[in-house]
């Protein structure tokens, strides 16, 4: 039995977590002096702050609701998306204030001012929203409310900054030896320190840093919102599709101790943003805190309602006809040129700067809370109903 166990260990094939001491291609030892260096062991991609793992797979992209606008821009199509990570919540005011504080110290005044959210999105000539204009972003009582007034471009800039901030912190902890003591800790420190790019950024080969934070693609966002993992039984069977990020067509919890309570923050009807005082229908007149309402089966909060969310894609009504069925995304006007829409002649609002947003908001009726519905806005524009969350590729296997 001892011999059998030993033989099994020796014959174990390498994988990404345990590649062995020597290269199976050249026989040369990894981490040898003057040779190629790579971590001897890798525990897998760490889960970054606020991220939730979303196992990829096949799903039917598109709306199950009636196409009330008659635009036919979300016709159903079966696609597959890779596994990825996504923020469990929308980016909150406090997260964005952290970003503003950092870039105010390290960037130009011009870049800092360009990053400021447009708080005037709350203003209205016939509405008294002046207090939101002055206080929504910075007053401590709104710290965990989703940031709004942020354009698609600003959301992308935040994602880039966040990548650097998180990775610098991870690399600092790794190269300081962490809690490890003694010779092994010193070796880990020396190894990590030797694999840094100029400027102090740890190399991605070290395994200490994460891939880039970014806006999710429309397919990723829709897949994560539907969370059909919660409808599976037996092998690859699913018991039902979903109109919303939960089962059924009702906007209220259908069973349990909280039966009858609202599952999302949305506009119930004309002039009705919250119901009657004492028993409000969704607990919020405008936005609500990012951890409000039950999460979906992936553990993601507010994938319907609260605020709409920017996604990566350029908007085209014909996207469903042309995108790939594996990790689909529309980056630009490929196969559907912007000149065909006549924006220059004021015949359309569409060009390669027009971006998709999804999810519905506190000011939207239930129709827009269905993950398959889609709308668009210029990438430099912002409103009081659009926020965002980030995603990240899941590299390698997740056990």
Protein backbone atom coordinates (compact mmCIF):
# COMPACT_ATOMS: atom_id res chain seq x y z
CA UNK A 1 0.00 0.00 0.00
CA UNK A 2 2.88 2.35 0.75
CA UNK A 3 4.41 1.63 -2.64
CA UNK A 4 1.06 2.17 -4.36
CA UNK A 5 0.52 5.52 -2.61
CA UNK A 6 4.03 6.65 -3.51
CA UNK A 7 3.53 5.65 -7.13
CA UNK A 8 0.23 7.59 -7.31
CA UNK A 9 1.90 10.73 -5.97
CA UNK A 10 4.75 10.47 -8.46
CA UNK A 11 2.41 9.86 -11.39
CA UNK A 12 0.08 12.73 -10.60
CA UNK A 13 -0.27 14.95 -13.66
CA UNK A 14 0.49 18.68 -13.23
CA UNK A 15 -2.29 21.22 -13.14
CA UNK A 16 -2.36 24.98 -12.85
CA UNK A 17 -2.34 24.83 -9.05
CA UNK A 18 0.57 22.37 -8.84
CA UNK A 19 2.85 22.49 -11.87
CA UNK A 20 5.74 20.59 -10.29
CA UNK A 21 9.36 21.58 -9.81
CA UNK A 22 10.52 21.20 -13.40
CA UNK A 23 9.09 22.19 -16.75
CA UNK A 24 7.39 19.27 -18.48
CA UNK A 25 8.44 20.81 -21.81
CA UNK A 26 12.16 21.44 -21.19
CA UNK A 27 12.97 19.65 -17.94
CA UNK A 28 14.54 22.86 -16.61
CA UNK A 29 13.78 23.70 -12.98
CA UNK A 30 11.35 26.53 -12.36
CA UNK A 31 12.64 29.37 -10.16
CA UNK A 32 16.25 28.50 -11.03
CA UNK A 33 18.77 31.33 -11.03
CA UNK A 34 18.76 33.16 -14.36
CA UNK A 35 15.80 30.99 -15.39
CA UNK A 36 12.04 31.37 -15.75
CA UNK A 37 10.39 31.97 -12.39
CA UNK A 38 6.83 31.10 -11.43
CA UNK A 39 5.11 30.39 -8.10
CA UNK A 40 5.66 26.80 -6.96
CA UNK A 41 2.05 26.53 -5.83
CA UNK A 42 -1.04 28.51 -6.63
CA UNK A 43 -4.21 28.32 -4.56
CA UNK A 44 -6.34 29.83 -7.27
CA UNK A 45 -7.51 33.32 -8.09
CA UNK A 46 -8.40 35.10 -4.87
CA UNK A 47 -11.84 36.62 -4.62
CA UNK A 48 -11.40 40.38 -4.72
CA UNK A 49 -13.16 42.80 -2.38
CA UNK A 50 -16.96 42.85 -2.81
CA UNK A 51 -16.85 40.21 -5.57
CA UNK A 52 -19.03 37.11 -5.87
CA UNK A 53 -18.16 34.12 -8.06
CA UNK A 54 -20.61 33.54 -10.92
CA UNK A 55 -20.23 30.13 -12.54
CA UNK A 56 -20.60 30.46 -16.29
CA UNK A 57 -22.80 28.42 -18.56
CA UNK A 58 -25.52 28.45 -21.19
CA UNK A 59 -28.65 30.56 -20.99
CA UNK A 60 -31.28 32.15 -23.20
CA UNK A 61 -30.47 35.82 -23.54
CA UNK A 62 -33.34 38.17 -24.28
CA UNK A 63 -36.59 39.33 -22.78
CA UNK A 64 -39.46 37.06 -21.79
CA UNK A 65 -41.70 40.10 -21.50
CA UNK A 66 -43.83 41.47 -24.32
CA UNK A 67 -41.91 43.94 -26.48
CA UNK A 68 -44.15 46.87 -25.61
CA UNK A 69 -42.05 49.40 -27.52
CA UNK A 70 -41.96 47.21 -30.62
CA UNK A 71 -38.23 47.72 -31.18
CA UNK A 72 -37.37 44.00 -31.37
CA UNK A 73 -33.89 44.65 -29.97
CA UNK A 74 -33.86 41.83 -27.39
CA UNK A 75 -35.06 38.76 -29.28
CA UNK A 76 -34.18 35.53 -27.47
CA UNK A 77 -30.96 33.73 -28.36
CA UNK A 78 -29.02 30.95 -26.64
CA UNK A 79 -25.48 31.96 -25.64
CA UNK A 80 -22.75 30.81 -23.26
CA UNK A 81 -20.72 33.04 -20.94
CA UNK A 82 -17.48 32.23 -19.14
CA UNK A 83 -17.26 32.12 -15.37
CA UNK A 84 -16.59 35.52 -13.85
CA UNK A 85 -16.75 37.57 -10.68
CA UNK A 86 -19.22 40.39 -10.11
CA UNK A 87 -19.74 42.95 -7.37
CA UNK A 88 -22.37 41.74 -4.96
CA UNK A 89 -23.66 45.31 -4.69
CA UNK A 90 -23.80 48.46 -6.72
CA UNK A 91 -20.92 50.86 -6.13
CA UNK A 92 -21.97 53.06 -3.24
CA UNK A 93 -21.34 56.76 -2.56
CA UNK A 94 -18.67 55.92 0.03
CA UNK A 95 -16.78 53.79 -2.51
CA UNK A 96 -16.80 56.61 -5.03
CA UNK A 97 -15.76 59.17 -2.41
CA UNK A 98 -12.78 56.94 -1.60
CA UNK A 99 -11.87 57.10 -5.29
CA UNK A 100 -12.24 60.88 -5.43
CA UNK A 101 -10.05 61.26 -2.35
CA UNK A 102 -7.32 59.11 -3.91
CA UNK A 103 -7.21 60.82 -7.29
CA UNK A 104 -7.36 64.27 -5.76
CA UNK A 105 -4.02 63.49 -4.14
CA UNK A 106 -2.41 61.67 -7.06
CA UNK A 107 -3.93 63.12 -10.25
CA UNK A 108 -4.33 66.47 -11.91
CA UNK A 109 -7.06 68.87 -10.88
CA UNK A 110 -8.54 68.49 -14.37
CA UNK A 111 -8.89 64.70 -14.00
CA UNK A 112 -10.35 65.07 -10.51
CA UNK A 113 -13.00 67.50 -11.70
CA UNK A 114 -13.82 65.24 -14.65
CA UNK A 115 -14.42 62.37 -12.21
CA UNK A 116 -16.94 64.26 -10.08
CA UNK A 117 -20.50 62.90 -10.37
CA UNK A 118 -23.08 65.31 -11.74
CA UNK A 119 -25.18 65.99 -8.66
CA UNK A 120 -27.48 68.28 -10.66
CA UNK A 121 -29.12 65.14 -12.11
CA UNK A 122 -31.43 65.39 -9.08
CA UNK A 123 -32.53 68.93 -9.92
CA UNK A 124 -35.91 69.68 -11.46
CA UNK A 125 -37.60 72.91 -12.24
CA UNK A 126 -40.94 71.54 -11.06
CA UNK A 127 -39.66 69.34 -8.21
CA UNK A 128 -38.09 70.17 -4.85
CA UNK A 129 -35.06 67.86 -4.96
CA UNK A 130 -32.56 70.53 -3.91
CA UNK A 131 -31.51 68.56 -0.81
CA UNK A 132 -30.42 65.62 -2.96
CA UNK A 133 -28.35 67.93 -5.15
CA UNK A 134 -26.47 69.21 -2.11
CA UNK A 135 -26.29 66.13 0.11
CA UNK A 136 -26.90 62.82 -1.67
CA UNK A 137 -23.27 62.16 -2.62
CA UNK A 138 -21.43 63.40 0.48
CA UNK A 139 -23.74 63.37 3.51
CA UNK A 140 -22.89 60.37 5.78
CA UNK A 141 -26.52 59.28 5.87
CA UNK A 142 -26.26 58.38 2.17
CA UNK A 143 -22.89 56.61 2.37
CA UNK A 144 -24.19 53.15 1.44
CA UNK A 145 -26.62 54.38 -1.21
CA UNK A 146 -25.63 53.72 -4.85
CA UNK A 147 -23.64 56.46 -6.53
CA UNK A 148 -25.55 58.10 -9.40
CA UNK A 149 -24.82 60.94 -11.79
CA UNK A 150 -21.88 58.90 -13.08
CA UNK A 151 -21.34 58.46 -16.81
CA UNK A 152 -20.17 55.28 -18.55
CA UNK A 153 -16.74 56.87 -19.04
CA UNK A 154 -16.48 57.77 -15.35
CA UNK A 155 -17.46 54.22 -14.38
CA UNK A 156 -14.69 52.86 -16.61
CA UNK A 157 -12.16 55.24 -15.04
CA UNK A 158 -13.24 54.12 -11.57
CA UNK A 159 -12.76 50.48 -12.58
CA UNK A 160 -9.21 51.19 -13.76
CA UNK A 161 -8.34 53.01 -10.55
CA UNK A 162 -9.86 50.21 -8.46
CA UNK A 163 -7.73 47.61 -10.24
CA UNK A 164 -4.57 49.48 -9.30
CA UNK A 165 -5.68 50.20 -5.74
CA UNK A 166 -6.65 46.59 -4.98
CA UNK A 167 -3.60 45.06 -6.66
CA UNK A 168 -1.16 47.43 -4.99
CA UNK A 169 -2.62 46.47 -1.63
CA UNK A 170 -2.50 42.73 -2.42
CA UNK A 171 1.10 42.97 -3.65
CA UNK A 172 2.14 44.96 -0.60
CA UNK A 173 0.73 42.31 1.72
CA UNK A 174 2.30 39.49 -0.29
CA UNK A 175 5.76 41.00 -0.59
CA UNK A 176 5.87 41.95 3.09
CA UNK A 177 5.69 38.25 3.94
CA UNK A 178 2.26 38.59 5.56
CA UNK A 179 2.04 36.56 8.75
CA UNK A 180 4.76 34.16 7.61
CA UNK A 181 7.92 34.10 9.68
CA UNK A 182 11.33 32.56 9.22
CA UNK A 183 13.13 31.34 6.17
CA UNK A 184 10.05 30.39 4.14
CA UNK A 185 8.54 33.80 4.64
CA UNK A 186 11.79 35.46 3.62
CA UNK A 187 11.97 33.31 0.48
CA UNK A 188 8.40 34.22 -0.44
CA UNK A 189 9.24 37.88 0.01
CA UNK A 190 12.38 37.64 -2.08
CA UNK A 191 10.59 35.70 -4.83
CA UNK A 192 7.72 38.18 -5.02
CA UNK A 193 10.04 41.17 -4.89
CA UNK A 194 12.13 39.80 -7.74
CA UNK A 195 9.06 39.57 -9.98
CA UNK A 196 7.93 43.15 -10.06
CA UNK A 197 7.67 45.48 -12.99
CA UNK A 198 9.28 48.86 -12.79
CA UNK A 199 7.21 51.25 -10.78
CA UNK A 200 6.56 48.75 -7.99
CA UNK A 201 3.63 46.94 -9.61
CA UNK A 202 3.70 43.21 -8.95
CA UNK A 203 3.84 41.09 -12.08
CA UNK A 204 0.69 39.14 -12.90
CA UNK A 205 2.80 35.96 -13.06
CA UNK A 206 3.30 36.08 -9.30
CA UNK A 207 -0.33 35.20 -8.65
CA UNK A 208 -0.53 37.92 -6.01
CA UNK A 209 -2.58 40.28 -8.13
CA UNK A 210 -6.02 40.14 -9.75
CA UNK A 211 -7.18 40.63 -13.34
CA UNK A 212 -8.72 43.98 -14.17
CA UNK A 213 -11.95 45.25 -12.69
CA UNK A 214 -14.24 46.39 -15.51
CA UNK A 215 -17.87 46.94 -16.41
CA UNK A 216 -19.68 43.66 -17.15
CA UNK A 217 -20.71 42.85 -20.68
CA UNK A 218 -24.43 42.91 -21.35
CA UNK A 219 -24.47 39.10 -21.58
CA UNK A 220 -22.62 38.71 -18.27
CA UNK A 221 -24.91 41.16 -16.54
CA UNK A 222 -28.09 39.51 -17.84
CA UNK A 223 -26.80 36.02 -17.00
CA UNK A 224 -25.90 37.08 -13.46
CA UNK A 225 -29.23 38.85 -12.96
CA UNK A 226 -31.38 35.88 -14.00
CA UNK A 227 -29.38 33.55 -11.72
CA UNK A 228 -30.91 30.44 -13.26
CA UNK A 229 -28.59 28.35 -11.12
CA UNK A 230 -31.43 28.56 -8.60
CA UNK A 231 -33.86 26.76 -10.91
CA UNK A 232 -31.73 23.69 -11.62
CA UNK A 233 -32.54 20.14 -10.62
CA UNK A 234 -30.97 16.77 -11.38
CA UNK A 235 -28.37 17.07 -14.13
CA UNK A 236 -28.61 20.06 -16.48
CA UNK A 237 -32.36 20.46 -16.22
CA UNK A 238 -34.02 23.71 -15.23
CA UNK A 239 -37.47 23.81 -13.72
CA UNK A 240 -38.38 27.22 -15.16
CA UNK A 241 -37.22 30.40 -16.86
CA UNK A 242 -37.29 33.73 -15.03
CA UNK A 243 -38.84 37.05 -15.93
CA UNK A 244 -37.09 38.73 -13.00
CA UNK A 245 -34.11 37.75 -10.84
CA UNK A 246 -36.53 35.66 -8.76
CA UNK A 247 -39.21 33.06 -9.57
CA UNK A 248 -42.71 34.05 -10.59
CA UNK A 249 -44.29 37.16 -12.07
CA UNK A 250 -45.04 38.92 -8.78
CA UNK A 251 -42.99 41.77 -7.35
CA UNK A 252 -43.66 40.57 -3.80
CA UNK A 253 -42.28 37.69 -1.76
CA UNK A 254 -44.71 34.84 -2.23
CA UNK A 255 -44.10 32.81 0.93
CA UNK A 256 -42.38 32.72 4.29
CA UNK A 257 -42.34 35.09 7.24
CA UNK A 258 -41.93 38.13 4.98
CA UNK A 259 -44.64 37.12 2.54
CA UNK A 260 -46.03 40.14 0.70
CA UNK A 261 -42.94 42.34 1.07
CA UNK A 262 -41.46 43.89 -2.04
CA UNK A 263 -38.47 42.23 -3.70
CA UNK A 264 -37.13 45.37 -5.38
CA UNK A 265 -37.11 49.16 -5.26
CA UNK A 266 -39.18 50.43 -8.19
CA UNK A 267 -42.06 52.72 -9.12
CA UNK A 268 -45.31 50.85 -8.51
CA UNK A 269 -47.52 53.13 -10.54
CA UNK A 270 -48.14 56.68 -11.67
CA UNK A 271 -46.96 58.97 -8.88
CA UNK A 272 -46.40 56.01 -6.50
CA UNK A 273 -42.74 55.64 -5.56
CA UNK A 274 -43.11 54.06 -2.12
CA UNK A 275 -46.68 53.34 -1.16
CA UNK A 276 -48.44 54.63 1.95
CA UNK A 277 -46.54 55.75 5.05
CA UNK A 278 -46.44 53.17 7.80
CA UNK A 279 -46.49 50.30 5.32
CA UNK A 280 -44.51 51.48 2.30
CA UNK A 281 -44.43 49.10 -0.62
CA UNK A 282 -40.67 49.01 -1.11
CA UNK A 283 -39.25 51.07 1.76
CA UNK A 284 -37.65 53.73 -0.42
CA UNK A 285 -38.87 56.85 -2.18
CA UNK A 286 -35.67 57.33 -4.19
CA UNK A 287 -32.71 54.91 -4.05
CA UNK A 288 -32.08 52.62 -1.09
CA UNK A 289 -28.95 51.19 0.53
CA UNK A 290 -27.05 48.73 -1.65
CA UNK A 291 -27.70 45.75 0.65
CA UNK A 292 -31.46 46.32 0.73
CA UNK A 293 -33.85 43.65 -0.58
CA UNK A 294 -33.04 39.94 -0.87
CA UNK A 295 -30.08 38.86 -3.06
CA UNK A 296 -30.64 36.56 -6.02
CA UNK A 297 -29.36 32.99 -6.20
CA UNK A 298 -25.83 34.13 -7.07
CA UNK A 299 -25.80 36.32 -3.95
CA UNK A 300 -26.09 39.58 -5.91
CA UNK A 301 -28.14 42.45 -4.49
CA UNK A 302 -30.43 44.76 -6.47
CA UNK A 303 -30.02 43.18 -9.88
CA UNK A 304 -33.51 44.55 -10.41
CA UNK A 305 -34.49 48.03 -9.26
CA UNK A 306 -32.75 50.63 -7.08
CA UNK A 307 -30.62 51.95 -9.97
CA UNK A 308 -30.07 50.93 -13.56
CA UNK A 309 -26.52 49.84 -14.27
CA UNK A 310 -24.08 50.58 -17.07
CA UNK A 311 -22.72 47.62 -19.04
CA UNK A 312 -19.80 47.46 -21.47
CA UNK A 313 -21.71 47.17 -24.75
CA UNK A 314 -22.35 49.69 -27.47
CA UNK A 315 -26.08 49.69 -28.25
CA UNK A 316 -27.46 48.41 -31.52
CA UNK A 317 -31.01 47.11 -32.07
CA UNK A 318 -29.61 44.29 -34.24
CA UNK A 319 -27.03 43.02 -31.76
CA UNK A 320 -28.86 39.75 -31.16
CA UNK A 321 -28.50 38.94 -34.88
CA UNK A 322 -24.74 39.43 -35.11
CA UNK A 323 -23.01 38.80 -31.79
CA UNK A 324 -21.06 35.64 -31.02
CA UNK A 325 -22.83 32.90 -29.11
CA UNK A 326 -19.77 32.52 -26.84
CA UNK A 327 -19.02 35.47 -24.53
CA UNK A 328 -20.98 37.90 -26.74
CA UNK A 329 -20.21 41.61 -26.65
CA UNK A 330 -20.64 44.56 -28.98
CA UNK A 331 -17.58 46.80 -28.82
CA UNK A 332 -18.42 49.16 -31.70
CA UNK A 333 -20.37 49.37 -34.94
CA UNK A 334 -18.90 46.25 -36.52
CA UNK A 335 -21.43 44.79 -39.04
CA UNK A 336 -23.82 47.61 -38.10
CA UNK A 337 -22.08 50.88 -38.87
CA UNK A 338 -23.13 54.06 -37.07
CA UNK A 339 -23.45 55.92 -40.38
CA UNK A 340 -26.51 53.79 -41.15
CA UNK A 341 -28.44 55.47 -38.35
CA UNK A 342 -28.02 59.08 -39.48
CA UNK A 343 -27.19 60.75 -36.18
CA UNK A 344 -25.47 63.58 -38.04
CA UNK A 345 -28.77 64.34 -39.75
CA UNK A 346 -30.65 64.11 -36.43
CA UNK A 347 -32.47 60.99 -37.60
CA UNK A 348 -31.24 58.91 -34.66
CA UNK A 349 -29.43 59.04 -31.32
CA UNK A 350 -27.26 56.02 -32.10
CA UNK A 351 -23.51 56.01 -32.70
CA UNK A 352 -20.48 54.22 -31.27
CA UNK A 353 -20.71 56.24 -28.06
CA UNK A 354 -24.19 54.96 -27.22
CA UNK A 355 -24.00 52.48 -24.32
CA UNK A 356 -26.46 49.97 -22.90
CA UNK A 357 -27.84 50.14 -19.37
CA UNK A 358 -30.06 47.56 -17.70
CA UNK A 359 -31.91 46.57 -14.56
CA UNK A 360 -34.57 49.19 -13.89
CA UNK A 361 -34.48 51.78 -11.13
CA UNK A 362 -36.40 53.41 -8.30
CA UNK A 363 -38.13 55.57 -10.92
CA UNK A 364 -39.03 52.76 -13.35
CA UNK A 365 -42.09 50.57 -13.60
CA UNK A 366 -41.75 46.78 -13.22
CA UNK A 367 -41.36 46.16 -16.97
CA UNK A 368 -37.80 47.53 -16.94
CA UNK A 369 -36.77 45.30 -14.02
CA UNK A 370 -36.74 42.24 -16.30
CA UNK A 371 -33.04 41.44 -17.05
CA UNK A 372 -33.73 41.03 -20.78
CA UNK A 373 -34.95 44.59 -21.31
CA UNK A 374 -32.39 47.11 -22.49
CA UNK A 375 -32.06 50.86 -22.98
CA UNK A 376 -29.26 53.19 -24.02
CA UNK A 377 -27.63 56.56 -23.32
CA UNK A 378 -24.57 58.45 -24.53
CA UNK A 379 -21.44 57.33 -22.68
CA UNK A 380 -20.76 60.85 -21.37
CA UNK A 381 -24.29 61.36 -20.03
CA UNK A 382 -25.59 60.56 -16.57
CA UNK A 383 -28.87 60.50 -14.68
CA UNK A 384 -30.19 60.04 -11.14
CA UNK A 385 -31.36 56.55 -12.08
CA UNK A 386 -28.11 54.98 -13.40
CA UNK A 387 -25.25 53.59 -11.33
CA UNK A 388 -22.89 50.66 -11.91
CA UNK A 389 -21.07 47.65 -10.52
CA UNK A 390 -17.85 45.98 -11.67
CA UNK A 391 -16.99 42.50 -12.84
CA UNK A 392 -13.80 40.50 -13.43
CA UNK A 393 -12.83 37.40 -15.38
CA UNK A 394 -12.46 34.17 -13.37
CA UNK A 395 -9.13 32.77 -14.54
CA UNK A 396 -8.56 29.05 -14.17
CA UNK A 397 -10.72 26.55 -12.32
CA UNK A 398 -12.91 27.39 -9.35
CA UNK A 399 -13.51 24.48 -6.98
